[in-house]
C-alpha atoms as a PDB file:
ATOM      1  CA  UNK A   1      19.076  -8.731  -8.096  1.00  0.00           C
ATOM      2  CA  UNK A   2      22.337  -8.501  -5.641  1.00  0.00           C
ATOM      3  CA  UNK A   3      21.507  -5.218  -3.683  1.00  0.00           C
ATOM      4  CA  UNK A   4      25.181  -5.360  -2.471  1.00  0.00           C
ATOM      5  CA  UNK A   5      26.479  -4.901  -6.364  1.00  0.00           C
ATOM      6  CA  UNK A   6      24.165  -2.428  -6.961  1.00  0.00           C
ATOM      7  CA  UNK A   7      24.070   1.145  -5.979  1.00  0.00           C
ATOM      8  CA  UNK A   8      19.837   1.598  -4.851  1.00  0.00           C
ATOM      9  CA  UNK A   9      20.349   5.428  -4.741  1.00  0.00           C
ATOM     10  CA  UNK A  10      21.759   5.597  -8.258  1.00  0.00           C
ATOM     11  CA  UNK A  11      19.017   3.611  -9.582  1.00  0.00           C
ATOM     12  CA  UNK A  12      16.414   6.197  -8.792  1.00  0.00           C
ATOM     13  CA  UNK A  13      18.241   9.550  -9.908  1.00  0.00           C
ATOM     14  CA  UNK A  14      19.873   8.435 -12.990  1.00  0.00           C
ATOM     15  CA  UNK A  15      16.319   9.340 -14.479  1.00  0.00           C
ATOM     16  CA  UNK A  16      16.111  13.443 -12.851  1.00  0.00           C
ATOM     17  CA  UNK A  17      13.929  14.115 -16.384  1.00  0.00           C
ATOM     18  CA  UNK A  18      11.527  11.625 -17.070  1.00  0.00           C
ATOM     19  CA  UNK A  19      10.911   8.989 -14.672  1.00  0.00           C
ATOM     20  CA  UNK A  20      11.618  10.648 -10.944  1.00  0.00           C
ATOM     21  CA  UNK A  21       8.494  12.690 -10.027  1.00  0.00           C
ATOM     22  CA  UNK A  22       9.837  13.757  -6.515  1.00  0.00           C
ATOM     23  CA  UNK A  23      12.784  13.391  -4.003  1.00  0.00           C
ATOM     24  CA  UNK A  24      12.880  14.346  -0.610  1.00  0.00           C
ATOM     25  CA  UNK A  25      15.646  13.907   2.264  1.00  0.00           C
ATOM     26  CA  UNK A  26      13.742  12.214   5.258  1.00  0.00           C
ATOM     27  CA  UNK A  27      15.260  11.277   9.136  1.00  0.00           C
ATOM     28  CA  UNK A  28      18.527  10.062   9.495  1.00  0.00           C
ATOM     29  CA  UNK A  29      19.794   8.226   6.374  1.00  0.00           C
ATOM     30  CA  UNK A  30      16.546   7.927   4.359  1.00  0.00           C
ATOM     31  CA  UNK A  31      15.551   9.061   1.455  1.00  0.00           C
ATOM     32  CA  UNK A  32      12.063   9.479  -0.353  1.00  0.00           C
ATOM     33  CA  UNK A  33      11.406   8.923  -3.999  1.00  0.00           C
ATOM     34  CA  UNK A  34       8.376   8.698  -6.036  1.00  0.00           C
ATOM     35  CA  UNK A  35       8.739   7.541  -9.912  1.00  0.00           C
ATOM     36  CA  UNK A  36       6.660   6.749 -12.878  1.00  0.00           C
ATOM     37  CA  UNK A  37       6.072   3.348 -14.918  1.00  0.00           C
ATOM     38  CA  UNK A  38       8.560   5.586 -17.055  1.00  0.00           C
ATOM     39  CA  UNK A  39      11.776   5.653 -15.265  1.00  0.00           C
ATOM     40  CA  UNK A  40      14.781   4.349 -17.021  1.00  0.00           C
ATOM     41  CA  UNK A  41      14.977   1.948 -14.349  1.00  0.00           C
ATOM     42  CA  UNK A  42      11.938   0.770 -13.744  1.00  0.00           C
ATOM     43  CA  UNK A  43      12.780  -2.842 -14.109  1.00  0.00           C
ATOM     44  CA  UNK A  44      15.383  -2.844 -11.565  1.00  0.00           C
ATOM     45  CA  UNK A  45      12.901  -0.707  -9.150  1.00  0.00           C
ATOM     46  CA  UNK A  46      10.346  -3.151  -9.507  1.00  0.00           C
ATOM     47  CA  UNK A  47      12.659  -6.241  -8.730  1.00  0.00           C
ATOM     48  CA  UNK A  48      13.425  -4.420  -5.184  1.00  0.00           C
ATOM     49  CA  UNK A  49       9.963  -4.056  -4.695  1.00  0.00           C
ATOM     50  CA  UNK A  50       9.123  -7.825  -5.440  1.00  0.00           C
ATOM     51  CA  UNK A  51      12.079  -8.802  -3.274  1.00  0.00           C
ATOM     52  CA  UNK A  52      10.755  -6.698  -0.349  1.00  0.00           C
ATOM     53  CA  UNK A  53       7.119  -8.068  -0.929  1.00  0.00           C
ATOM     54  CA  UNK A  54       8.598 -11.712  -0.806  1.00  0.00           C
ATOM     55  CA  UNK A  55       9.233 -11.557   2.920  1.00  0.00           C
ATOM     56  CA  UNK A  56       6.036  -9.896   4.143  1.00  0.00           C
ATOM     57  CA  UNK A  57       3.964 -12.556   2.248  1.00  0.00           C
ATOM     58  CA  UNK A  58       1.215 -13.745   4.764  1.00  0.00           C
ATOM     59  CA  UNK A  59       1.850 -17.442   3.961  1.00  0.00           C
ATOM     60  CA  UNK A  60       5.494 -16.884   5.530  1.00  0.00           C
ATOM     61  CA  UNK A  61       4.147 -16.074   8.841  1.00  0.00           C
ATOM     62  CA  UNK A  62       1.310 -18.550   8.956  1.00  0.00           C
ATOM     63  CA  UNK A  63       2.736 -21.775   7.749  1.00  0.00           C
ATOM     64  CA  UNK A  64       5.088 -21.832  10.949  1.00  0.00           C
ATOM     65  CA  UNK A  65       2.502 -21.460  13.408  1.00  0.00           C
ATOM     66  CA  UNK A  66      -0.813 -22.990  14.554  1.00  0.00           C
ATOM     67  CA  UNK A  67      -3.903 -21.049  13.611  1.00  0.00           C
ATOM     68  CA  UNK A  68      -5.078 -20.505  17.199  1.00  0.00           C
ATOM     69  CA  UNK A  69      -1.671 -18.922  17.649  1.00  0.00           C
ATOM     70  CA  UNK A  70      -1.763 -16.540  14.589  1.00  0.00           C
ATOM     71  CA  UNK A  71      -3.565 -13.595  16.039  1.00  0.00           C
ATOM     72  CA  UNK A  72      -0.865 -13.127  18.660  1.00  0.00           C
ATOM     73  CA  UNK A  73       1.808 -13.412  16.539  1.00  0.00           C
ATOM     74  CA  UNK A  74       4.577 -10.922  16.988  1.00  0.00           C
ATOM     75  CA  UNK A  75       6.045 -10.906  13.618  1.00  0.00           C
ATOM     76  CA  UNK A  76       2.013 -11.052  11.817  1.00  0.00           C
ATOM     77  CA  UNK A  77       1.385  -8.001  13.965  1.00  0.00           C
ATOM     78  CA  UNK A  78       4.093  -6.217  12.241  1.00  0.00           C
ATOM     79  CA  UNK A  79       2.347  -6.327   9.032  1.00  0.00           C
ATOM     80  CA  UNK A  80       1.828  -8.562   6.240  1.00  0.00           C
ATOM     81  CA  UNK A  81       0.832  -8.480   2.879  1.00  0.00           C
ATOM     82  CA  UNK A  82      -1.417 -11.440   1.059  1.00  0.00           C
ATOM     83  CA  UNK A  83      -0.255 -11.410  -2.800  1.00  0.00           C
ATOM     84  CA  UNK A  84       2.889 -11.083  -4.277  1.00  0.00           C
ATOM     85  CA  UNK A  85       3.264  -9.244  -7.827  1.00  0.00           C
ATOM     86  CA  UNK A  86       5.161 -10.568 -11.029  1.00  0.00           C
ATOM     87  CA  UNK A  87       7.443  -8.014 -12.559  1.00  0.00           C
ATOM     88  CA  UNK A  88       5.160  -7.919 -15.491  1.00  0.00           C
ATOM     89  CA  UNK A  89       1.762  -6.978 -13.333  1.00  0.00           C
ATOM     90  CA  UNK A  90       3.461  -4.325 -11.270  1.00  0.00           C
ATOM     91  CA  UNK A  91       4.855  -2.964 -14.311  1.00  0.00           C
ATOM     92  CA  UNK A  92       1.191  -3.474 -15.892  1.00  0.00           C
ATOM     93  CA  UNK A  93      -0.127  -1.217 -13.361  1.00  0.00           C
ATOM     94  CA  UNK A  94       2.946   1.430 -13.382  1.00  0.00           C
ATOM     95  CA  UNK A  95       2.061   1.839 -17.259  1.00  0.00           C
ATOM     96  CA  UNK A  96      -1.234   3.645 -16.758  1.00  0.00           C
ATOM     97  CA  UNK A  97      -0.981   7.552 -16.089  1.00  0.00           C
ATOM     98  CA  UNK A  98      -2.216   7.749 -12.821  1.00  0.00           C
ATOM     99  CA  UNK A  99       0.279   5.155 -10.832  1.00  0.00           C
ATOM    100  CA  UNK A 100       3.191   5.877  -8.872  1.00  0.00           C
ATOM    101  CA  UNK A 101       5.297   4.093  -6.894  1.00  0.00           C
ATOM    102  CA  UNK A 102       6.898   5.583  -3.765  1.00  0.00           C
ATOM    103  CA  UNK A 103       9.855   4.463  -2.334  1.00  0.00           C
ATOM    104  CA  UNK A 104      11.826   5.204   0.522  1.00  0.00           C
ATOM    105  CA  UNK A 105      15.837   3.686   0.454  1.00  0.00           C
ATOM    106  CA  UNK A 106      18.195   3.629   3.234  1.00  0.00           C
ATOM    107  CA  UNK A 107      21.323   5.058   1.832  1.00  0.00           C
ATOM    108  CA  UNK A 108      23.687   3.637   4.931  1.00  0.00           C
ATOM    109  CA  UNK A 109      22.597   0.327   4.069  1.00  0.00           C
ATOM    110  CA  UNK A 110      22.149   0.706   0.321  1.00  0.00           C
ATOM    111  CA  UNK A 111      18.508  -0.917   0.743  1.00  0.00           C
ATOM    112  CA  UNK A 112      14.725  -0.348  -0.027  1.00  0.00           C
ATOM    113  CA  UNK A 113      13.206   0.204   3.194  1.00  0.00           C
ATOM    114  CA  UNK A 114       9.824   0.389   1.850  1.00  0.00           C
ATOM    115  CA  UNK A 115       7.228   0.934  -1.288  1.00  0.00           C
ATOM    116  CA  UNK A 116       3.663   2.107  -1.390  1.00  0.00           C
ATOM    117  CA  UNK A 117       2.025   1.850  -4.818  1.00  0.00           C
ATOM    118  CA  UNK A 118      -1.141   4.023  -5.727  1.00  0.00           C
ATOM    119  CA  UNK A 119      -3.363   4.027  -8.657  1.00  0.00           C
ATOM    120  CA  UNK A 120      -6.459   5.018 -10.475  1.00  0.00           C
ATOM    121  CA  UNK A 121      -9.635   4.044  -8.294  1.00  0.00           C
ATOM    122  CA  UNK A 122     -10.129   1.737 -11.355  1.00  0.00           C
ATOM    123  CA  UNK A 123      -8.043  -0.706  -9.164  1.00  0.00           C
ATOM    124  CA  UNK A 124     -10.229   0.027  -6.263  1.00  0.00           C
ATOM    125  CA  UNK A 125     -13.297  -1.284  -8.191  1.00  0.00           C
ATOM    126  CA  UNK A 126     -11.583  -4.363  -9.429  1.00  0.00           C
ATOM    127  CA  UNK A 127     -10.776  -5.119  -5.629  1.00  0.00           C
ATOM    128  CA  UNK A 128     -14.005  -4.420  -4.486  1.00  0.00           C
ATOM    129  CA  UNK A 129     -16.082  -5.856  -7.310  1.00  0.00           C
ATOM    130  CA  UNK A 130     -19.848  -6.332  -6.784  1.00  0.00           C
ATOM    131  CA  UNK A 131     -19.747  -9.792  -8.413  1.00  0.00           C
ATOM    132  CA  UNK A 132     -17.035 -10.562  -6.006  1.00  0.00           C
ATOM    133  CA  UNK A 133     -18.468  -9.475  -2.622  1.00  0.00           C
ATOM    134  CA  UNK A 134     -20.378  -6.735  -1.065  1.00  0.00           C
ATOM    135  CA  UNK A 135     -19.343  -2.989   0.080  1.00  0.00           C
ATOM    136  CA  UNK A 136     -21.249  -2.375   3.430  1.00  0.00           C
ATOM    137  CA  UNK A 137     -20.646   1.393   4.406  1.00  0.00           C
ATOM    138  CA  UNK A 138     -20.719   2.571   7.869  1.00  0.00           C
ATOM    139  CA  UNK A 139     -24.144   5.024   7.947  1.00  0.00           C
ATOM    140  CA  UNK A 140     -23.143   6.717  11.020  1.00  0.00           C
ATOM    141  CA  UNK A 141     -20.021   7.880   9.297  1.00  0.00           C
ATOM    142  CA  UNK A 142     -20.593   8.193   5.587  1.00  0.00           C
ATOM    143  CA  UNK A 143     -23.364   7.618   3.490  1.00  0.00           C
ATOM    144  CA  UNK A 144     -23.642   6.218  -0.084  1.00  0.00           C
ATOM    145  CA  UNK A 145     -24.341   9.274  -1.620  1.00  0.00           C
ATOM    146  CA  UNK A 146     -21.488  11.040  -0.157  1.00  0.00           C
ATOM    147  CA  UNK A 147     -18.976   7.628  -1.295  1.00  0.00           C
ATOM    148  CA  UNK A 148     -20.339   8.222  -4.548  1.00  0.00           C
ATOM    149  CA  UNK A 149     -19.546  11.744  -4.511  1.00  0.00           C
ATOM    150  CA  UNK A 150     -16.009  11.198  -2.834  1.00  0.00           C
ATOM    151  CA  UNK A 151     -14.894   8.707  -5.728  1.00  0.00           C
ATOM    152  CA  UNK A 152     -16.134  11.058  -8.182  1.00  0.00           C
ATOM    153  CA  UNK A 153     -13.406  13.429  -7.210  1.00  0.00           C
ATOM    154  CA  UNK A 154     -10.765  14.046 -10.095  1.00  0.00           C
ATOM    155  CA  UNK A 155      -7.231  12.868  -8.464  1.00  0.00           C
ATOM    156  CA  UNK A 156      -8.517  10.554  -5.792  1.00  0.00           C
ATOM    157  CA  UNK A 157      -6.526   7.578  -5.781  1.00  0.00           C
ATOM    158  CA  UNK A 158      -6.310   4.041  -4.519  1.00  0.00           C
ATOM    159  CA  UNK A 159      -3.328   2.675  -2.317  1.00  0.00           C
ATOM    160  CA  UNK A 160      -3.353  -0.298  -3.767  1.00  0.00           C
ATOM    161  CA  UNK A 161      -0.437  -1.796  -1.455  1.00  0.00           C
ATOM    162  CA  UNK A 162       2.007  -0.848   1.150  1.00  0.00           C
ATOM    163  CA  UNK A 163       5.245  -2.485   2.029  1.00  0.00           C
ATOM    164  CA  UNK A 164       7.969  -1.904   4.713  1.00  0.00           C
ATOM    165  CA  UNK A 165      10.793  -4.431   5.083  1.00  0.00           C
ATOM    166  CA  UNK A 166      11.112  -6.270   8.095  1.00  0.00           C
ATOM    167  CA  UNK A 167      13.974  -4.496   8.939  1.00  0.00           C
ATOM    168  CA  UNK A 168      12.316  -1.125   9.256  1.00  0.00           C
ATOM    169  CA  UNK A 169       9.288  -2.144  11.350  1.00  0.00           C
ATOM    170  CA  UNK A 170       8.771   0.435  13.993  1.00  0.00           C
ATOM    171  CA  UNK A 171      10.921   3.390  12.360  1.00  0.00           C
ATOM    172  CA  UNK A 172       8.268   5.378  11.025  1.00  0.00           C
ATOM    173  CA  UNK A 173       8.776   4.167   7.404  1.00  0.00           C
ATOM    174  CA  UNK A 174       5.053   3.376   6.734  1.00  0.00           C
ATOM    175  CA  UNK A 175       4.279   7.198   7.624  1.00  0.00           C
ATOM    176  CA  UNK A 176       6.703   8.721   5.703  1.00  0.00           C
ATOM    177  CA  UNK A 177       5.321   6.886   2.689  1.00  0.00           C
ATOM    178  CA  UNK A 178       1.743   7.690   3.412  1.00  0.00           C
ATOM    179  CA  UNK A 179       2.901  11.297   3.359  1.00  0.00           C
ATOM    180  CA  UNK A 180       4.586  11.216   0.640  1.00  0.00           C
ATOM    181  CA  UNK A 181       1.618   9.825  -0.961  1.00  0.00           C
ATOM    182  CA  UNK A 182      -0.439  12.369   0.481  1.00  0.00           C
ATOM    183  CA  UNK A 183       1.705  15.100  -1.046  1.00  0.00           C
ATOM    184  CA  UNK A 184       1.685  13.667  -4.406  1.00  0.00           C
ATOM    185  CA  UNK A 185      -2.440  12.610  -4.036  1.00  0.00           C
ATOM    186  CA  UNK A 186      -3.676  15.947  -2.306  1.00  0.00           C
ATOM    187  CA  UNK A 187      -7.652  15.261  -3.593  1.00  0.00           C
ATOM    188  CA  UNK A 188      -7.524  12.013  -1.794  1.00  0.00           C
ATOM    189  CA  UNK A 189      -6.706   8.413  -0.942  1.00  0.00           C
ATOM    190  CA  UNK A 190      -8.223   5.160  -0.089  1.00  0.00           C
ATOM    191  CA  UNK A 191      -7.264   1.893   0.955  1.00  0.00           C
ATOM    192  CA  UNK A 192      -8.389  -1.481   1.806  1.00  0.00           C
ATOM    193  CA  UNK A 193      -6.583  -3.178   5.028  1.00  0.00           C
ATOM    194  CA  UNK A 194      -7.689  -7.213   5.816  1.00  0.00           C
ATOM    195  CA  UNK A 195      -9.751  -7.472   8.457  1.00  0.00           C
ATOM    196  CA  UNK A 196     -10.306 -11.364   8.109  1.00  0.00           C
ATOM    197  CA  UNK A 197      -9.133 -13.954   8.277  1.00  0.00           C
ATOM    198  CA  UNK A 198      -6.342 -12.248   9.901  1.00  0.00           C
ATOM    199  CA  UNK A 199      -6.115  -8.924  10.738  1.00  0.00           C
ATOM    200  CA  UNK A 200      -3.314  -6.472   9.743  1.00  0.00           C
ATOM    201  CA  UNK A 201      -3.306  -4.060  12.317  1.00  0.00           C
ATOM    202  CA  UNK A 202       0.272  -2.563  11.261  1.00  0.00           C
ATOM    203  CA  UNK A 203      -1.510  -1.287   8.532  1.00  0.00           C
ATOM    204  CA  UNK A 204      -4.812  -0.297   9.851  1.00  0.00           C
ATOM    205  CA  UNK A 205      -3.056   1.743  12.658  1.00  0.00           C
ATOM    206  CA  UNK A 206      -0.701   3.404  10.400  1.00  0.00           C
ATOM    207  CA  UNK A 207      -3.552   4.878   7.863  1.00  0.00           C
ATOM    208  CA  UNK A 208      -5.460   6.122  11.492  1.00  0.00           C
ATOM    209  CA  UNK A 209      -2.485   7.486  12.418  1.00  0.00           C
ATOM    210  CA  UNK A 210      -1.918   9.764   9.123  1.00  0.00           C
ATOM    211  CA  UNK A 211      -5.840  10.745   9.382  1.00  0.00           C
ATOM    212  CA  UNK A 212      -7.566   7.951   7.449  1.00  0.00           C
ATOM    213  CA  UNK A 213     -11.114   7.469   8.213  1.00  0.00           C
ATOM    214  CA  UNK A 214     -12.765   3.689   8.179  1.00  0.00           C
ATOM    215  CA  UNK A 215     -15.570   3.932   6.565  1.00  0.00           C
ATOM    216  CA  UNK A 216     -16.902   0.393   5.729  1.00  0.00           C
ATOM    217  CA  UNK A 217     -16.450  -3.300   5.598  1.00  0.00           C
ATOM    218  CA  UNK A 218     -15.968  -5.198   2.398  1.00  0.00           C
ATOM    219  CA  UNK A 219     -17.111  -8.555   2.395  1.00  0.00           C
ATOM    220  CA  UNK A 220     -15.956 -10.956  -0.143  1.00  0.00           C
ATOM    221  CA  UNK A 221     -18.411 -13.992  -1.115  1.00  0.00           C
ATOM    222  CA  UNK A 222     -17.282 -17.533   0.090  1.00  0.00           C
ATOM    223  CA  UNK A 223     -19.033 -20.422   0.829  1.00  0.00           C
ATOM    224  CA  UNK A 224     -20.105 -20.674   4.588  1.00  0.00           C
ATOM    225  CA  UNK A 225     -18.009 -23.333   5.429  1.00  0.00           C
ATOM    226  CA  UNK A 226     -15.260 -21.011   4.840  1.00  0.00           C
ATOM    227  CA  UNK A 227     -13.676 -18.599   6.657  1.00  0.00           C
ATOM    228  CA  UNK A 228     -14.904 -15.328   5.704  1.00  0.00           C
ATOM    229  CA  UNK A 229     -12.883 -12.959   3.835  1.00  0.00           C
ATOM    230  CA  UNK A 230     -13.370  -9.097   5.000  1.00  0.00           C
ATOM    231  CA  UNK A 231     -11.470  -5.757   4.459  1.00  0.00           C
ATOM    232  CA  UNK A 232     -11.919  -2.633   5.871  1.00  0.00           C
ATOM    233  CA  UNK A 233     -12.026  -0.035   3.563  1.00  0.00           C
ATOM    234  CA  UNK A 234     -10.309   4.002   4.853  1.00  0.00           C
ATOM    235  CA  UNK A 235     -10.653   7.295   3.411  1.00  0.00           C
ATOM    236  CA  UNK A 236      -8.272  10.223   3.202  1.00  0.00           C
ATOM    237  CA  UNK A 237      -9.144  13.055   3.756  1.00  0.00           C
ATOM    238  CA  UNK A 238     -12.235  12.849   5.833  1.00  0.00           C
ATOM    239  CA  UNK A 239     -13.699  15.905   7.430  1.00  0.00           C
ATOM    240  CA  UNK A 240     -16.954  17.169   8.133  1.00  0.00           C
ATOM    241  CA  UNK A 241     -17.716  18.580   5.046  1.00  0.00           C
ATOM    242  CA  UNK A 242     -17.978  14.679   3.853  1.00  0.00           C
ATOM    243  CA  UNK A 243     -21.110  13.842   6.636  1.00  0.00           C
END
């Protein structure tokens, strides 16, 4: 979809009754939206998300540089994503009752600046399946029983992915996306951040900045000769009542 021929703002605001859950004016020329899968323009909005994803794929960074230089690559340190969704997959997730898409639009430049998708914990369980790997909780932070109690709380959601367009890095877009999500999912949110083979430090720093607490590591089962795949698990809110 060509953004220059489409008013991005109007895509979100054409459905004020059914698909638009929240609208909030942010700093400068940015507006935040939360929509559900019933939005009238869900196809076009999902296409914008997928376009944003394509520029953030990890493979776009690592294929340009040697592995030994990857950890110090400035672009990589700005944040990346591992997998790109198809339009069908994104709409499938959004078709479930608890799934919502958080978006920030740059009005002046008619562009999607960033997005965040959160969904039910079903998708977290799929990503950390015991058949695929092992979740190792930090016993100094949270016990197994406390973790089970947290995820059994009604209204806790899983941040499946955050993406910020490269043109908007270091402008607070990630923080705005998270704050909007916290308003909508006030009971709690959890997220996974890639730790190995490449550390997504931008995502981890953004979560910690917004009061998310790392509580453990998920290790994927991989052959011994392969590079280990690990992700750090974060939860919000984290208070002393949990520990």
